[in-house]
Amino acid sequence: MIRLAQSAAARSWQQESHVEFLTEGVLRSTNRCLSASKRDGNCVRIKEITWKPDHWRFLQIKGDLGKIYYKLYSEIGLPYDTLGAVMSVTPVNWQRQGKWFCSEHMAHGRDMKKPHRQTPGKLYRSLISEGAREIRL
């Protein structure tokens, strides 16, 4: 399951501003999550998050969640890519090896083409078009 933040002030100029991968199969009021985060150590990390339901949308995604988890988990500790996140919304094709921003990291975990071009909003729309369904807390 992937969660996406909703924020009117998103840096990507879209409603969604952040993506997390829930490491547990059941959505609870608090879940353990994996993502690249500038706020939490400026790296790929695992963190317990207590949800504010009005700030998050939750998607049930298709695919081998175990495979996605292990791919993402293997990158814990790698640095956050601030410049890559900024460049993802420009026409410049910019990718930095060994650094991740949240939506790029998730797209990489799903083996999507050009993960560095995925903003949280683009990723959300891609997952919906692949058959992901939104669920509520």
C-alpha atoms as a PDB file:
ATOM      1  CA  MET A   1       0.000   0.000   0.000  1.00  0.00           C
ATOM      2  CA  ILE A   2       1.232   3.483  -0.780  1.00  0.00           C
ATOM      3  CA  ARG A   3       0.025   6.641   0.867  1.00  0.00           C
ATOM      4  CA  LEU A   4       0.140  10.080  -0.686  1.00  0.00           C
ATOM      5  CA  ALA A   5      -0.010  13.384   1.138  1.00  0.00           C
ATOM      6  CA  GLN A   6      -2.445  16.096   0.179  1.00  0.00           C
ATOM      7  CA  SER A   7      -1.150  19.626   0.499  1.00  0.00           C
ATOM      8  CA  ALA A   8      -2.191  22.851  -1.183  1.00  0.00           C
ATOM      9  CA  ALA A   9       1.365  24.136  -0.823  1.00  0.00           C
ATOM     10  CA  ALA A  10       3.042  21.160  -2.463  1.00  0.00           C
ATOM     11  CA  ARG A  11       6.419  21.934  -4.000  1.00  0.00           C
ATOM     12  CA  SER A  12       5.379  19.986  -7.085  1.00  0.00           C
ATOM     13  CA  TRP A  13       2.462  22.420  -7.613  1.00  0.00           C
ATOM     14  CA  GLN A  14       0.083  19.512  -7.291  1.00  0.00           C
ATOM     15  CA  GLN A  15      -2.228  18.360  -4.529  1.00  0.00           C
ATOM     16  CA  GLU A  16       0.072  15.480  -3.586  1.00  0.00           C
ATOM     17  CA  SER A  17       3.358  16.362  -1.903  1.00  0.00           C
ATOM     18  CA  HIS A  18       4.772  13.147  -0.412  1.00  0.00           C
ATOM     19  CA  VAL A  19       4.626   9.361  -0.828  1.00  0.00           C
ATOM     20  CA  GLU A  20       5.119   6.582   1.727  1.00  0.00           C
ATOM     21  CA  PHE A  21       5.100   2.801   1.392  1.00  0.00           C
ATOM     22  CA  LEU A  22       3.262   1.062   4.241  1.00  0.00           C
ATOM     23  CA  THR A  23       5.361  -1.895   5.353  1.00  0.00           C
ATOM     24  CA  GLU A  24       2.324  -3.600   6.894  1.00  0.00           C
ATOM     25  CA  GLY A  25      -0.588  -5.028   4.943  1.00  0.00           C
ATOM     26  CA  VAL A  26      -3.300  -3.510   7.145  1.00  0.00           C
ATOM     27  CA  LEU A  27      -4.094   0.192   7.354  1.00  0.00           C
ATOM     28  CA  ARG A  28      -4.253   1.289  11.009  1.00  0.00           C
ATOM     29  CA  SER A  29      -4.254   4.660  12.761  1.00  0.00           C
ATOM     30  CA  THR A  30      -0.445   4.266  12.994  1.00  0.00           C
ATOM     31  CA  ASN A  31       1.669   2.332  10.506  1.00  0.00           C
ATOM     32  CA  ARG A  32       5.318   1.641   9.888  1.00  0.00           C
ATOM     33  CA  CYS A  33       6.335   3.271   6.598  1.00  0.00           C
ATOM     34  CA  LEU A  34       9.298   3.419   4.257  1.00  0.00           C
ATOM     35  CA  SER A  35      10.235   6.422   2.110  1.00  0.00           C
ATOM     36  CA  ALA A  36      12.881   8.928   1.115  1.00  0.00           C
ATOM     37  CA  SER A  37      12.334  11.914   3.388  1.00  0.00           C
ATOM     38  CA  LYS A  38      14.025  15.283   3.658  1.00  0.00           C
ATOM     39  CA  ARG A  39      12.423  15.867   7.082  1.00  0.00           C
ATOM     40  CA  ASP A  40      13.482  12.597   8.690  1.00  0.00           C
ATOM     41  CA  GLY A  41      17.247  12.468   8.375  1.00  0.00           C
ATOM     42  CA  ASN A  42      17.494  13.560   4.740  1.00  0.00           C
ATOM     43  CA  CYS A  43      17.607   9.924   3.608  1.00  0.00           C
ATOM     44  CA  VAL A  44      15.638   6.767   2.878  1.00  0.00           C
ATOM     45  CA  ARG A  45      14.214   5.642   6.238  1.00  0.00           C
ATOM     46  CA  ILE A  46      11.578   3.595   8.063  1.00  0.00           C
ATOM     47  CA  LYS A  47       9.303   5.445  10.478  1.00  0.00           C
ATOM     48  CA  GLU A  48       6.097   4.932  12.469  1.00  0.00           C
ATOM     49  CA  ILE A  49       3.495   7.453  11.332  1.00  0.00           C
ATOM     50  CA  THR A  50       0.188   8.297  13.000  1.00  0.00           C
ATOM     51  CA  TRP A  51      -2.205   9.389  10.299  1.00  0.00           C
ATOM     52  CA  LYS A  52      -4.174  12.582  10.061  1.00  0.00           C
ATOM     53  CA  PRO A  53      -6.868  11.173   7.737  1.00  0.00           C
ATOM     54  CA  ASP A  54      -7.691  14.568   6.258  1.00  0.00           C
ATOM     55  CA  HIS A  55      -4.055  14.944   5.115  1.00  0.00           C
ATOM     56  CA  TRP A  56      -3.589  11.588   3.419  1.00  0.00           C
ATOM     57  CA  ARG A  57      -5.020   9.463   0.652  1.00  0.00           C
ATOM     58  CA  PHE A  58      -4.315   5.744   0.739  1.00  0.00           C
ATOM     59  CA  LEU A  59      -3.974   3.514  -2.306  1.00  0.00           C
ATOM     60  CA  GLN A  60      -4.111  -0.262  -2.477  1.00  0.00           C
ATOM     61  CA  ILE A  61      -1.707  -1.094  -5.275  1.00  0.00           C
ATOM     62  CA  LYS A  62      -1.317  -4.164  -7.435  1.00  0.00           C
ATOM     63  CA  GLY A  63       1.892  -6.138  -7.750  1.00  0.00           C
ATOM     64  CA  ASP A  64       4.320  -8.129  -5.628  1.00  0.00           C
ATOM     65  CA  LEU A  65       4.399  -6.013  -2.454  1.00  0.00           C
ATOM     66  CA  GLY A  66       7.131  -8.180  -0.925  1.00  0.00           C
ATOM     67  CA  LYS A  67       9.404  -7.566  -3.897  1.00  0.00           C
ATOM     68  CA  ILE A  68       8.700  -3.823  -3.770  1.00  0.00           C
ATOM     69  CA  TYR A  69       9.376  -3.743  -0.017  1.00  0.00           C
ATOM     70  CA  TYR A  70      12.727  -5.514  -0.284  1.00  0.00           C
ATOM     71  CA  LYS A  71      13.845  -3.300  -3.153  1.00  0.00           C
ATOM     72  CA  LEU A  72      12.969  -0.155  -1.184  1.00  0.00           C
ATOM     73  CA  TYR A  73      14.312  -1.551   2.095  1.00  0.00           C
ATOM     74  CA  SER A  74      17.707  -2.287   0.526  1.00  0.00           C
ATOM     75  CA  GLU A  75      18.173   1.467   0.021  1.00  0.00           C
ATOM     76  CA  ILE A  76      17.656   2.561   3.650  1.00  0.00           C
ATOM     77  CA  GLY A  77      20.259   5.147   4.572  1.00  0.00           C
ATOM     78  CA  LEU A  78      20.839   6.412   1.033  1.00  0.00           C
ATOM     79  CA  PRO A  79      20.629  10.213   0.813  1.00  0.00           C
ATOM     80  CA  TYR A  80      17.595  12.277  -0.132  1.00  0.00           C
ATOM     81  CA  ASP A  81      17.855  13.960  -3.536  1.00  0.00           C
ATOM     82  CA  THR A  82      16.609  17.528  -3.085  1.00  0.00           C
ATOM     83  CA  LEU A  83      17.897  18.695  -6.461  1.00  0.00           C
ATOM     84  CA  GLY A  84      16.360  15.658  -8.173  1.00  0.00           C
ATOM     85  CA  ALA A  85      12.974  16.435  -6.612  1.00  0.00           C
ATOM     86  CA  VAL A  86      13.148  20.020  -7.874  1.00  0.00           C
ATOM     87  CA  MET A  87      14.286  18.943 -11.345  1.00  0.00           C
ATOM     88  CA  SER A  88      11.483  16.360 -11.660  1.00  0.00           C
ATOM     89  CA  VAL A  89       9.019  19.153 -12.464  1.00  0.00           C
ATOM     90  CA  THR A  90      11.220  20.747 -15.131  1.00  0.00           C
ATOM     91  CA  PRO A  91      11.754  19.681 -18.750  1.00  0.00           C
ATOM     92  CA  VAL A  92      15.392  18.818 -17.919  1.00  0.00           C
ATOM     93  CA  ASN A  93      16.002  15.053 -17.733  1.00  0.00           C
ATOM     94  CA  TRP A  94      18.006  14.942 -14.477  1.00  0.00           C
ATOM     95  CA  GLN A  95      18.750  11.787 -12.495  1.00  0.00           C
ATOM     96  CA  ARG A  96      21.310  11.212  -9.725  1.00  0.00           C
ATOM     97  CA  GLN A  97      22.429   7.681  -8.971  1.00  0.00           C
ATOM     98  CA  GLY A  98      22.388   6.600  -5.321  1.00  0.00           C
ATOM     99  CA  LYS A  99      20.093   9.423  -4.156  1.00  0.00           C
ATOM    100  CA  TRP A 100      16.296   9.378  -3.977  1.00  0.00           C
ATOM    101  CA  PHE A 101      13.284  11.612  -3.517  1.00  0.00           C
ATOM    102  CA  CYS A 102      10.034  10.023  -2.334  1.00  0.00           C
ATOM    103  CA  SER A 103       8.078   9.509  -5.551  1.00  0.00           C
ATOM    104  CA  GLU A 104      11.193   8.531  -7.511  1.00  0.00           C
ATOM    105  CA  HIS A 105      11.978   5.917  -4.852  1.00  0.00           C
ATOM    106  CA  MET A 106       8.452   4.456  -5.023  1.00  0.00           C
ATOM    107  CA  ALA A 107       8.455   4.417  -8.848  1.00  0.00           C
ATOM    108  CA  HIS A 108      11.830   2.657  -8.736  1.00  0.00           C
ATOM    109  CA  GLY A 109      10.391   0.078  -6.322  1.00  0.00           C
ATOM    110  CA  ARG A 110       7.588  -0.573  -8.825  1.00  0.00           C
ATOM    111  CA  ASP A 111      10.078  -0.842 -11.741  1.00  0.00           C
ATOM    112  CA  MET A 112       8.458   2.086 -13.540  1.00  0.00           C
ATOM    113  CA  LYS A 113      10.247   3.679 -16.497  1.00  0.00           C
ATOM    114  CA  LYS A 114      11.962   7.008 -15.762  1.00  0.00           C
ATOM    115  CA  PRO A 115      11.311   7.007 -11.998  1.00  0.00           C
ATOM    116  CA  HIS A 116      13.135  10.352 -11.698  1.00  0.00           C
ATOM    117  CA  ARG A 117      10.307  11.997 -13.685  1.00  0.00           C
ATOM    118  CA  GLN A 118       7.637  10.924 -11.173  1.00  0.00           C
ATOM    119  CA  THR A 119       6.248  13.621  -8.914  1.00  0.00           C
ATOM    120  CA  PRO A 120       3.856  12.462  -6.179  1.00  0.00           C
ATOM    121  CA  GLY A 121       0.918  13.595  -8.356  1.00  0.00           C
ATOM    122  CA  LYS A 122       2.158  11.827 -11.485  1.00  0.00           C
ATOM    123  CA  LEU A 123       2.784   8.673  -9.466  1.00  0.00           C
ATOM    124  CA  TYR A 124      -0.728   8.835  -8.000  1.00  0.00           C
ATOM    125  CA  ARG A 125      -2.302   9.174 -11.460  1.00  0.00           C
ATOM    126  CA  SER A 126      -0.110   6.356 -12.848  1.00  0.00           C
ATOM    127  CA  LEU A 127      -1.101   4.004 -10.025  1.00  0.00           C
ATOM    128  CA  ILE A 128      -4.806   4.822 -10.450  1.00  0.00           C
ATOM    129  CA  SER A 129      -4.531   4.164 -14.202  1.00  0.00           C
ATOM    130  CA  GLU A 130      -2.891   0.779 -13.378  1.00  0.00           C
ATOM    131  CA  GLY A 131      -5.898  -0.185 -11.271  1.00  0.00           C
ATOM    132  CA  ALA A 132      -4.918   0.981  -7.768  1.00  0.00           C
ATOM    133  CA  ARG A 133      -7.921   1.784  -5.631  1.00  0.00           C
ATOM    134  CA  GLU A 134      -8.296   4.405  -2.977  1.00  0.00           C
ATOM    135  CA  ILE A 135      -9.223   3.221   0.522  1.00  0.00           C
ATOM    136  CA  ARG A 136     -10.203   5.133   3.634  1.00  0.00           C
ATOM    137  CA  LEU A 137      -8.861   5.002   7.165  1.00  0.00           C
END
